[in-house]
All heavy atoms as atom14 arrays in JSON, in Angstrom:
{
  "sequence": "KKHPRTARRFVEATARAIEWARSTPRETVVARCIELMKK",
  "atom14_mask": [
    [1, 1, 1, 1, 1, 1, 1, 1, 1, 0, 0, 0, 0, 0],
    [1, 1, 1, 1, 1, 1, 1, 1, 1, 0, 0, 0, 0, 0],
    [1, 1, 1, 1, 1, 1, 1, 1, 1, 1, 0, 0, 0, 0],
    [1, 1, 1, 1, 1, 1, 1, 0, 0, 0, 0, 0, 0, 0],
    [1, 1, 1, 1, 1, 1, 1, 1, 1, 1, 1, 0, 0, 0],
    [1, 1, 1, 1, 1, 1, 1, 0, 0, 0, 0, 0, 0, 0],
    [1, 1, 1, 1, 1, 0, 0, 0, 0, 0, 0, 0, 0, 0],
    [1, 1, 1, 1, 1, 1, 1, 1, 1, 1, 1, 0, 0, 0],
    [1, 1, 1, 1, 1, 1, 1, 1, 1, 1, 1, 0, 0, 0],
    [1, 1, 1, 1, 1, 1, 1, 1, 1, 1, 1, 0, 0, 0],
    [1, 1, 1, 1, 1, 1, 1, 0, 0, 0, 0, 0, 0, 0],
    [1, 1, 1, 1, 1, 1, 1, 1, 1, 0, 0, 0, 0, 0],
    [1, 1, 1, 1, 1, 0, 0, 0, 0, 0, 0, 0, 0, 0],
    [1, 1, 1, 1, 1, 1, 1, 0, 0, 0, 0, 0, 0, 0],
    [1, 1, 1, 1, 1, 0, 0, 0, 0, 0, 0, 0, 0, 0],
    [1, 1, 1, 1, 1, 1, 1, 1, 1, 1, 1, 0, 0, 0],
    [1, 1, 1, 1, 1, 0, 0, 0, 0, 0, 0, 0, 0, 0],
    [1, 1, 1, 1, 1, 1, 1, 1, 0, 0, 0, 0, 0, 0],
    [1, 1, 1, 1, 1, 1, 1, 1, 1, 0, 0, 0, 0, 0],
    [1, 1, 1, 1, 1, 1, 1, 1, 1, 1, 1, 1, 1, 1],
    [1, 1, 1, 1, 1, 0, 0, 0, 0, 0, 0, 0, 0, 0],
    [1, 1, 1, 1, 1, 1, 1, 1, 1, 1, 1, 0, 0, 0],
    [1, 1, 1, 1, 1, 1, 0, 0, 0, 0, 0, 0, 0, 0],
    [1, 1, 1, 1, 1, 1, 1, 0, 0, 0, 0, 0, 0, 0],
    [1, 1, 1, 1, 1, 1, 1, 0, 0, 0, 0, 0, 0, 0],
    [1, 1, 1, 1, 1, 1, 1, 1, 1, 1, 1, 0, 0, 0],
    [1, 1, 1, 1, 1, 1, 1, 1, 1, 0, 0, 0, 0, 0],
    [1, 1, 1, 1, 1, 1, 1, 0, 0, 0, 0, 0, 0, 0],
    [1, 1, 1, 1, 1, 1, 1, 0, 0, 0, 0, 0, 0, 0],
    [1, 1, 1, 1, 1, 1, 1, 0, 0, 0, 0, 0, 0, 0],
    [1, 1, 1, 1, 1, 0, 0, 0, 0, 0, 0, 0, 0, 0],
    [1, 1, 1, 1, 1, 1, 1, 1, 1, 1, 1, 0, 0, 0],
    [1, 1, 1, 1, 1, 1, 0, 0, 0, 0, 0, 0, 0, 0],
    [1, 1, 1, 1, 1, 1, 1, 1, 0, 0, 0, 0, 0, 0],
    [1, 1, 1, 1, 1, 1, 1, 1, 1, 0, 0, 0, 0, 0],
    [1, 1, 1, 1, 1, 1, 1, 1, 0, 0, 0, 0, 0, 0],
    [1, 1, 1, 1, 1, 1, 1, 1, 0, 0, 0, 0, 0, 0],
    [1, 1, 1, 1, 1, 1, 1, 1, 1, 0, 0, 0, 0, 0],
    [1, 1, 1, 1, 1, 1, 1, 1, 1, 0, 0, 0, 0, 0]
  ],
  "atom14_positions": [
    [[-17.55, -1.21, -45.82], [-18.8, -0.94, -46.57], [-18.57, -0.66, -47.94], [-19.44, -1.03, -48.81], [-19.57, 0.25, -45.89], [-20.9, 0.52, -46.44], [-21.54, 1.71, -45.63], [-22.94, 2.03, -46.26], [-23.5, 3.1, -45.49], [0.0, 0.0, 0.0], [0.0, 0.0, 0.0], [0.0, 0.0, 0.0], [0.0, 0.0, 0.0], [0.0, 0.0, 0.0]],
    [[-17.47, -0.06, -48.31], [-17.16, 0.41, -49.77], [-16.42, -0.72, -50.35], [-16.56, -0.78, -51.66], [-16.27, 1.63, -49.65], [-16.0, 2.29, -51.04], [-15.22, 3.56, -50.93], [-15.0, 4.23, -52.27], [-14.06, 5.43, -52.1], [0.0, 0.0, 0.0], [0.0, 0.0, 0.0], [0.0, 0.0, 0.0], [0.0, 0.0, 0.0], [0.0, 0.0, 0.0]],
    [[-15.78, -1.64, -49.76], [-14.93, -2.67, -50.35], [-15.36, -4.07, -49.78], [-14.26, -4.8, -49.32], [-13.38, -2.35, -50.2], [-13.01, -1.01, -50.7], [-12.98, 0.06, -49.91], [-12.57, -0.67, -51.88], [-12.59, 1.16, -50.47], [-12.33, 0.75, -51.7], [0.0, 0.0, 0.0], [0.0, 0.0, 0.0], [0.0, 0.0, 0.0], [0.0, 0.0, 0.0]],
    [[-16.57, -4.55, -49.87], [-16.79, -5.75, -49.11], [-16.1, -6.97, -49.73], [-15.78, -7.88, -48.97], [-18.33, -5.83, -49.21], [-18.7, -4.95, -50.37], [-17.67, -3.87, -50.41], [0.0, 0.0, 0.0], [0.0, 0.0, 0.0], [0.0, 0.0, 0.0], [0.0, 0.0, 0.0], [0.0, 0.0, 0.0], [0.0, 0.0, 0.0], [0.0, 0.0, 0.0]],
    [[-16.1, -6.97, -50.99], [-15.51, -8.16, -51.65], [-13.99, -8.21, -51.3], [-13.33, -9.31, -51.15], [-15.69, -8.24, -53.16], [-17.13, -8.38, -53.53], [-17.16, -8.59, -55.0], [-18.61, -8.66, -55.54], [-19.25, -7.57, -55.89], [-18.81, -6.29, -55.92], [-20.48, -7.84, -56.27], [0.0, 0.0, 0.0], [0.0, 0.0, 0.0], [0.0, 0.0, 0.0]],
    [[-13.44, -7.09, -51.25], [-11.92, -6.96, -50.94], [-11.68, -7.44, -49.54], [-10.76, -8.16, -49.15], [-11.44, -5.69, -51.3], [-11.65, -5.3, -52.65], [-9.9, -5.47, -50.91], [0.0, 0.0, 0.0], [0.0, 0.0, 0.0], [0.0, 0.0, 0.0], [0.0, 0.0, 0.0], [0.0, 0.0, 0.0], [0.0, 0.0, 0.0], [0.0, 0.0, 0.0]],
    [[-12.56, -6.87, -48.62], [-12.41, -7.24, -47.27], [-12.58, -8.76, -47.03], [-11.73, -9.3, -46.29], [-13.44, -6.5, -46.41], [0.0, 0.0, 0.0], [0.0, 0.0, 0.0], [0.0, 0.0, 0.0], [0.0, 0.0, 0.0], [0.0, 0.0, 0.0], [0.0, 0.0, 0.0], [0.0, 0.0, 0.0], [0.0, 0.0, 0.0], [0.0, 0.0, 0.0]],
    [[-13.54, -9.33, -47.83], [-13.71, -10.78, -47.71], [-12.46, -11.52, -48.14], [-12.03, -12.53, -47.48], [-14.97, -11.22, -48.56], [-15.3, -12.67, -48.29], [-16.56, -13.07, -49.04], [-17.67, -12.42, -48.33], [-18.44, -12.87, -47.3], [-18.05, -13.96, -46.73], [-19.38, -12.2, -46.87], [0.0, 0.0, 0.0], [0.0, 0.0, 0.0], [0.0, 0.0, 0.0]],
    [[-12.0, -11.13, -49.27], [-10.69, -11.88, -49.83], [-9.51, -11.62, -48.75], [-8.81, -12.58, -48.62], [-10.35, -11.26, -51.16], [-9.01, -11.84, -51.69], [-9.04, -13.37, -51.71], [-10.14, -13.9, -52.52], [-9.97, -14.22, -53.86], [-8.88, -13.98, -54.5], [-10.95, -14.75, -54.45], [0.0, 0.0, 0.0], [0.0, 0.0, 0.0], [0.0, 0.0, 0.0]],
    [[-9.49, -10.48, -48.09], [-8.31, -10.28, -47.19], [-8.52, -11.22, -45.96], [-7.63, -11.91, -45.64], [-8.52, -8.93, -46.64], [-7.62, -8.48, -45.45], [-6.28, -8.28, -45.65], [-8.11, -8.64, -44.2], [-5.5, -8.04, -44.55], [-7.43, -8.41, -43.01], [-5.96, -8.06, -43.2], [0.0, 0.0, 0.0], [0.0, 0.0, 0.0], [0.0, 0.0, 0.0]],
    [[-9.74, -11.37, -45.5], [-9.91, -12.26, -44.3], [-9.68, -13.74, -44.74], [-9.06, -14.42, -44.08], [-11.31, -12.04, -43.77], [-11.57, -13.13, -42.71], [-11.4, -10.7, -43.24], [0.0, 0.0, 0.0], [0.0, 0.0, 0.0], [0.0, 0.0, 0.0], [0.0, 0.0, 0.0], [0.0, 0.0, 0.0], [0.0, 0.0, 0.0], [0.0, 0.0, 0.0]],
    [[-10.23, -14.15, -45.85], [-10.14, -15.48, -46.38], [-8.67, -15.86, -46.54], [-8.21, -16.93, -46.11], [-10.94, -15.62, -47.64], [-12.39, -15.67, -47.55], [-13.06, -15.7, -48.89], [-12.39, -15.39, -49.88], [-14.28, -15.88, -48.91], [0.0, 0.0, 0.0], [0.0, 0.0, 0.0], [0.0, 0.0, 0.0], [0.0, 0.0, 0.0], [0.0, 0.0, 0.0]],
    [[-7.83, -14.97, -47.18], [-6.54, -15.15, -47.28], [-5.81, -15.32, -46.16], [-4.84, -16.35, -45.88], [-5.84, -14.02, -48.19], [0.0, 0.0, 0.0], [0.0, 0.0, 0.0], [0.0, 0.0, 0.0], [0.0, 0.0, 0.0], [0.0, 0.0, 0.0], [0.0, 0.0, 0.0], [0.0, 0.0, 0.0], [0.0, 0.0, 0.0], [0.0, 0.0, 0.0]],
    [[-6.03, -14.48, -45.01], [-5.38, -14.46, -43.78], [-5.69, -15.88, -43.16], [-4.89, -16.52, -42.6], [-5.85, -13.42, -42.82], [-5.53, -12.11, -43.59], [-5.19, -13.39, -41.52], [0.0, 0.0, 0.0], [0.0, 0.0, 0.0], [0.0, 0.0, 0.0], [0.0, 0.0, 0.0], [0.0, 0.0, 0.0], [0.0, 0.0, 0.0], [0.0, 0.0, 0.0]],
    [[-6.79, -16.28, -43.19], [-7.52, -17.54, -42.58], [-6.72, -18.7, -43.17], [-6.23, -19.63, -42.37], [-8.94, -17.65, -42.66], [0.0, 0.0, 0.0], [0.0, 0.0, 0.0], [0.0, 0.0, 0.0], [0.0, 0.0, 0.0], [0.0, 0.0, 0.0], [0.0, 0.0, 0.0], [0.0, 0.0, 0.0], [0.0, 0.0, 0.0], [0.0, 0.0, 0.0]],
    [[-6.65, -18.72, -44.42], [-6.0, -19.91, -45.07], [-4.52, -19.93, -44.76], [-3.89, -21.08, -44.56], [-6.18, -19.74, -46.72], [-7.6, -19.96, -47.2], [-7.64, -19.85, -48.57], [-6.87, -20.96, -49.43], [-6.71, -20.84, -50.7], [-7.15, -19.81, -51.39], [-6.06, -21.92, -51.21], [0.0, 0.0, 0.0], [0.0, 0.0, 0.0], [0.0, 0.0, 0.0]],
    [[-3.82, -18.74, -44.69], [-2.39, -18.78, -44.39], [-2.18, -19.11, -42.94], [-1.18, -19.92, -42.7], [-1.78, -17.31, -44.5], [0.0, 0.0, 0.0], [0.0, 0.0, 0.0], [0.0, 0.0, 0.0], [0.0, 0.0, 0.0], [0.0, 0.0, 0.0], [0.0, 0.0, 0.0], [0.0, 0.0, 0.0], [0.0, 0.0, 0.0], [0.0, 0.0, 0.0]],
    [[-3.09, -18.89, -41.91], [-2.84, -19.22, -40.65], [-3.03, -20.77, -40.61], [-2.14, -21.45, -39.88], [-3.83, -18.63, -39.73], [-3.72, -17.16, -39.5], [-4.03, -19.36, -38.33], [-4.65, -16.45, -38.94], [0.0, 0.0, 0.0], [0.0, 0.0, 0.0], [0.0, 0.0, 0.0], [0.0, 0.0, 0.0], [0.0, 0.0, 0.0], [0.0, 0.0, 0.0]],
    [[-3.93, -21.39, -41.24], [-4.04, -22.88, -41.29], [-2.97, -23.54, -42.06], [-2.53, -24.64, -41.69], [-5.45, -23.3, -41.83], [-6.52, -22.85, -40.86], [-6.37, -23.38, -39.47], [-6.12, -24.5, -39.25], [-6.32, -22.48, -38.55], [0.0, 0.0, 0.0], [0.0, 0.0, 0.0], [0.0, 0.0, 0.0], [0.0, 0.0, 0.0], [0.0, 0.0, 0.0]],
    [[-2.4, -22.92, -43.03], [-1.27, -23.59, -43.81], [-0.14, -23.55, -42.9], [0.64, -24.55, -42.73], [-0.95, -22.6, -44.92], [0.15, -23.14, -45.84], [0.2, -24.05, -46.81], [1.5, -22.83, -45.68], [1.37, -24.36, -47.27], [2.28, -23.56, -46.67], [2.28, -21.95, -44.93], [3.7, -23.47, -46.72], [3.67, -21.85, -45.01], [4.44, -22.55, -45.93]],
    [[0.23, -22.48, -42.14], [1.28, -22.45, -41.2], [1.2, -23.49, -40.08], [2.03, -24.0, -39.51], [1.45, -21.01, -40.63], [0.0, 0.0, 0.0], [0.0, 0.0, 0.0], [0.0, 0.0, 0.0], [0.0, 0.0, 0.0], [0.0, 0.0, 0.0], [0.0, 0.0, 0.0], [0.0, 0.0, 0.0], [0.0, 0.0, 0.0], [0.0, 0.0, 0.0]],
    [[-0.16, -23.55, -39.61], [-0.35, -24.54, -38.55], [-0.15, -26.02, -38.93], [0.22, -26.81, -38.14], [-1.96, -24.46, -38.04], [-2.21, -24.88, -36.7], [-3.77, -25.02, -36.4], [-4.32, -23.7, -36.56], [-4.53, -22.77, -35.73], [-4.03, -22.96, -34.47], [-5.37, -21.71, -35.92], [0.0, 0.0, 0.0], [0.0, 0.0, 0.0], [0.0, 0.0, 0.0]],
    [[-0.48, -26.34, -40.21], [-0.43, -27.78, -40.63], [0.8, -28.06, -41.42], [1.07, -29.31, -41.73], [-1.57, -28.03, -41.49], [-1.64, -27.27, -42.7], [0.0, 0.0, 0.0], [0.0, 0.0, 0.0], [0.0, 0.0, 0.0], [0.0, 0.0, 0.0], [0.0, 0.0, 0.0], [0.0, 0.0, 0.0], [0.0, 0.0, 0.0], [0.0, 0.0, 0.0]],
    [[1.69, -27.19, -41.66], [2.9, -27.34, -42.42], [4.03, -27.55, -41.46], [4.18, -26.91, -40.44], [3.1, -26.11, -43.41], [2.04, -26.02, -44.29], [4.33, -26.28, -44.25], [0.0, 0.0, 0.0], [0.0, 0.0, 0.0], [0.0, 0.0, 0.0], [0.0, 0.0, 0.0], [0.0, 0.0, 0.0], [0.0, 0.0, 0.0], [0.0, 0.0, 0.0]],
    [[5.05, -28.39, -41.76], [6.22, -28.49, -40.89], [6.85, -27.24, -40.67], [7.08, -26.43, -41.63], [7.14, -29.58, -41.72], [6.22, -30.26, -42.55], [5.04, -29.38, -42.84], [0.0, 0.0, 0.0], [0.0, 0.0, 0.0], [0.0, 0.0, 0.0], [0.0, 0.0, 0.0], [0.0, 0.0, 0.0], [0.0, 0.0, 0.0], [0.0, 0.0, 0.0]],
    [[7.31, -26.93, -39.47], [7.93, -25.69, -39.12], [9.11, -25.29, -39.97], [9.25, -24.15, -40.43], [8.41, -25.82, -37.67], [9.27, -24.48, -37.22], [9.8, -24.78, -35.75], [10.67, -23.6, -35.44], [11.93, -23.68, -35.75], [12.47, -24.72, -36.45], [12.8, -22.57, -35.52], [0.0, 0.0, 0.0], [0.0, 0.0, 0.0], [0.0, 0.0, 0.0]],
    [[9.96, -26.17, -40.27], [11.14, -25.9, -41.18], [10.62, -25.4, -42.47], [11.4, -24.62, -43.01], [11.94, -27.27, -41.35], [12.69, -27.77, -39.99], [11.64, -28.41, -39.19], [10.47, -28.72, -39.64], [11.93, -28.62, -37.95], [0.0, 0.0, 0.0], [0.0, 0.0, 0.0], [0.0, 0.0, 0.0], [0.0, 0.0, 0.0], [0.0, 0.0, 0.0]],
    [[9.6, -25.88, -43.0], [9.06, -25.44, -44.31], [8.53, -24.04, -44.31], [8.76, -23.11, -45.08], [7.84, -26.37, -44.8], [8.49, -27.68, -45.0], [7.44, -25.96, -46.18], [0.0, 0.0, 0.0], [0.0, 0.0, 0.0], [0.0, 0.0, 0.0], [0.0, 0.0, 0.0], [0.0, 0.0, 0.0], [0.0, 0.0, 0.0], [0.0, 0.0, 0.0]],
    [[7.83, -23.76, -43.12], [7.26, -22.38, -42.93], [8.42, -21.4, -42.85], [8.47, -20.35, -43.45], [6.36, -22.34, -41.68], [5.97, -20.93, -41.43], [5.26, -23.29, -41.9], [0.0, 0.0, 0.0], [0.0, 0.0, 0.0], [0.0, 0.0, 0.0], [0.0, 0.0, 0.0], [0.0, 0.0, 0.0], [0.0, 0.0, 0.0], [0.0, 0.0, 0.0]],
    [[9.44, -21.75, -42.03], [10.55, -20.82, -41.73], [11.39, -20.59, -43.11], [11.65, -19.38, -43.41], [11.55, -21.35, -40.78], [12.85, -20.57, -40.61], [10.91, -21.41, -39.4], [0.0, 0.0, 0.0], [0.0, 0.0, 0.0], [0.0, 0.0, 0.0], [0.0, 0.0, 0.0], [0.0, 0.0, 0.0], [0.0, 0.0, 0.0], [0.0, 0.0, 0.0]],
    [[11.53, -21.73, -43.87], [12.29, -21.5, -45.11], [11.39, -20.56, -46.11], [12.0, -19.77, -46.78], [12.45, -22.83, -45.83], [0.0, 0.0, 0.0], [0.0, 0.0, 0.0], [0.0, 0.0, 0.0], [0.0, 0.0, 0.0], [0.0, 0.0, 0.0], [0.0, 0.0, 0.0], [0.0, 0.0, 0.0], [0.0, 0.0, 0.0], [0.0, 0.0, 0.0]],
    [[10.08, -20.78, -46.11], [9.22, -19.89, -46.97], [9.3, -18.48, -46.49], [9.44, -17.51, -47.36], [7.88, -20.43, -46.93], [6.88, -19.59, -47.75], [6.62, -20.4, -49.01], [5.92, -19.58, -49.96], [5.31, -20.24, -51.0], [5.14, -21.58, -51.12], [4.6, -19.54, -51.92], [0.0, 0.0, 0.0], [0.0, 0.0, 0.0], [0.0, 0.0, 0.0]],
    [[9.33, -18.18, -45.27], [9.44, -16.82, -44.73], [10.73, -16.18, -45.05], [10.79, -14.96, -45.44], [9.09, -16.86, -43.22], [7.42, -17.15, -42.88], [0.0, 0.0, 0.0], [0.0, 0.0, 0.0], [0.0, 0.0, 0.0], [0.0, 0.0, 0.0], [0.0, 0.0, 0.0], [0.0, 0.0, 0.0], [0.0, 0.0, 0.0], [0.0, 0.0, 0.0]],
    [[11.84, -16.83, -44.81], [13.04, -16.41, -45.25], [13.23, -16.11, -46.67], [13.79, -14.9, -47.04], [14.28, -17.38, -44.83], [14.36, -17.53, -43.3], [15.54, -17.0, -45.37], [15.25, -18.58, -42.78], [0.0, 0.0, 0.0], [0.0, 0.0, 0.0], [0.0, 0.0, 0.0], [0.0, 0.0, 0.0], [0.0, 0.0, 0.0], [0.0, 0.0, 0.0]],
    [[12.7, -16.82, -47.56], [12.71, -16.57, -49.02], [11.91, -15.35, -49.34], [12.35, -14.55, -50.09], [12.23, -17.75, -49.73], [12.29, -17.7, -51.24], [13.72, -17.48, -51.74], [14.7, -18.0, -51.07], [13.97, -16.96, -52.8], [0.0, 0.0, 0.0], [0.0, 0.0, 0.0], [0.0, 0.0, 0.0], [0.0, 0.0, 0.0], [0.0, 0.0, 0.0]],
    [[10.81, -15.25, -48.68], [9.97, -14.07, -48.86], [10.58, -12.87, -48.4], [10.58, -11.82, -49.22], [8.64, -14.21, -48.03], [7.7, -12.91, -48.01], [7.3, -12.52, -49.37], [6.49, -13.34, -47.17], [0.0, 0.0, 0.0], [0.0, 0.0, 0.0], [0.0, 0.0, 0.0], [0.0, 0.0, 0.0], [0.0, 0.0, 0.0], [0.0, 0.0, 0.0]],
    [[11.34, -12.85, -47.31], [12.02, -11.55, -46.87], [13.17, -11.32, -47.85], [13.41, -10.02, -48.03], [12.67, -12.01, -45.5], [11.55, -12.02, -44.35], [12.16, -12.6, -42.81], [13.43, -11.32, -42.45], [0.0, 0.0, 0.0], [0.0, 0.0, 0.0], [0.0, 0.0, 0.0], [0.0, 0.0, 0.0], [0.0, 0.0, 0.0], [0.0, 0.0, 0.0]],
    [[13.8, -12.24, -48.38], [14.86, -11.9, -49.46], [14.13, -11.28, -50.64], [14.76, -10.27, -51.18], [15.66, -13.26, -49.81], [16.47, -13.81, -48.81], [17.09, -15.11, -49.21], [17.98, -15.76, -48.13], [18.56, -16.97, -48.51], [0.0, 0.0, 0.0], [0.0, 0.0, 0.0], [0.0, 0.0, 0.0], [0.0, 0.0, 0.0], [0.0, 0.0, 0.0]],
    [[13.03, -11.81, -51.05], [12.44, -11.24, -52.26], [11.92, -9.84, -52.07], [11.78, -9.0, -53.02], [11.32, -12.22, -52.68], [11.64, -13.46, -53.3], [10.44, -14.21, -53.9], [9.43, -14.65, -52.76], [8.35, -15.43, -53.41], [0.0, 0.0, 0.0], [0.0, 0.0, 0.0], [0.0, 0.0, 0.0], [0.0, 0.0, 0.0], [0.0, 0.0, 0.0]]
  ]
}
């Protein structure tokens, strides 16, 4: 109620990431995650 735009961006970002991971080759997703963990 206090942060409706922030909440919307949070859900939109999550939704886009789920679909990116679904449509991207597994090896690419894993490599991206490993790099993120290092950073």
